[in-house]
Amino acid sequence: MNRRFDHEKLEVYQVSLAFITWLEPILQKLPKSLSVTDPLDRASTSIPLNIAEGNGTFTGADRCR
């Protein structure tokens, strides 16, 4: 039986994972000395994490935020 969390069913979550997959080879090619490499990596990873966290809240006020 294949169970999925609610956030995994969201199209925006799936697109954010596809973005990370697309970005990873680009980041591998960039020199580590560029100041944009680390922030881009952290920002792209935080997108699906924030979607998952936001989808896990159930009160109206939490979901509005």
Protein backbone atom coordinates (compact mmCIF):
# COMPACT_ATOMS: atom_id res chain seq x y z
CA MET A 1 0.00 0.00 0.00
CA ASN A 2 1.40 3.34 -1.06
CA ARG A 3 0.40 6.09 1.36
CA ARG A 4 1.00 9.76 0.63
CA PHE A 5 0.85 12.76 2.88
CA ASP A 6 -1.61 15.49 1.94
CA HIS A 7 1.09 17.92 0.85
CA GLU A 8 2.51 15.35 -1.58
CA LYS A 9 -0.74 15.51 -3.56
CA LEU A 10 -0.41 19.25 -4.16
CA GLU A 11 0.72 20.27 -7.62
CA VAL A 12 2.75 23.18 -6.23
CA TYR A 13 4.67 20.75 -4.00
CA GLN A 14 5.44 18.48 -6.96
CA VAL A 15 6.59 21.46 -9.05
CA SER A 16 8.85 22.63 -6.21
CA LEU A 17 10.50 19.19 -6.14
CA ALA A 18 10.92 19.33 -9.92
CA PHE A 19 12.56 22.75 -9.50
CA ILE A 20 15.09 21.30 -7.05
CA THR A 21 15.80 18.47 -9.48
CA TRP A 22 16.31 20.98 -12.28
CA LEU A 23 18.49 23.30 -10.17
CA GLU A 24 20.80 20.68 -8.66
CA PRO A 25 22.95 20.04 -11.79
CA ILE A 26 23.25 23.78 -12.34
CA LEU A 27 24.46 24.32 -8.78
CA GLN A 28 26.97 21.48 -9.19
CA LYS A 29 28.51 23.27 -12.19
CA LEU A 30 28.79 26.66 -10.48
CA PRO A 31 31.97 27.43 -8.57
CA LYS A 32 31.50 27.21 -4.82
CA SER A 33 33.15 30.61 -4.51
CA LEU A 34 30.10 32.33 -6.01
CA SER A 35 28.09 33.99 -3.29
CA VAL A 36 24.80 32.93 -4.88
CA THR A 37 25.33 29.15 -4.74
CA ASP A 38 24.55 28.51 -1.08
CA PRO A 39 21.55 30.88 -0.82
CA LEU A 40 20.02 29.38 -3.97
CA ASP A 41 20.44 25.89 -2.59
CA ARG A 42 18.92 26.78 0.78
CA ALA A 43 16.04 28.76 -0.76
CA SER A 44 15.11 26.01 -3.21
CA THR A 45 15.10 23.42 -0.44
CA SER A 46 12.98 25.57 1.85
CA ILE A 47 10.15 25.89 -0.69
CA PRO A 48 8.78 22.32 -0.40
CA LEU A 49 9.53 22.26 3.33
CA ASN A 50 7.42 25.38 3.86
CA ILE A 51 4.60 23.96 1.73
CA ALA A 52 4.60 20.76 3.76
CA GLU A 53 4.65 22.67 7.04
CA GLY A 54 1.85 24.99 5.96
CA ASN A 55 -0.29 22.13 4.78
CA GLY A 56 0.08 20.42 8.15
CA THR A 57 -1.72 23.20 10.03
CA PHE A 58 -5.45 22.82 10.36
CA THR A 59 -6.86 25.94 12.01
CA GLY A 60 -8.26 28.66 9.81
CA ALA A 61 -5.90 31.32 11.12
CA ASP A 62 -2.86 29.10 10.56
CA ARG A 63 -3.87 28.23 7.01
CA CYS A 64 -4.45 31.90 6.15
CA ARG A 65 -0.88 32.73 7.16
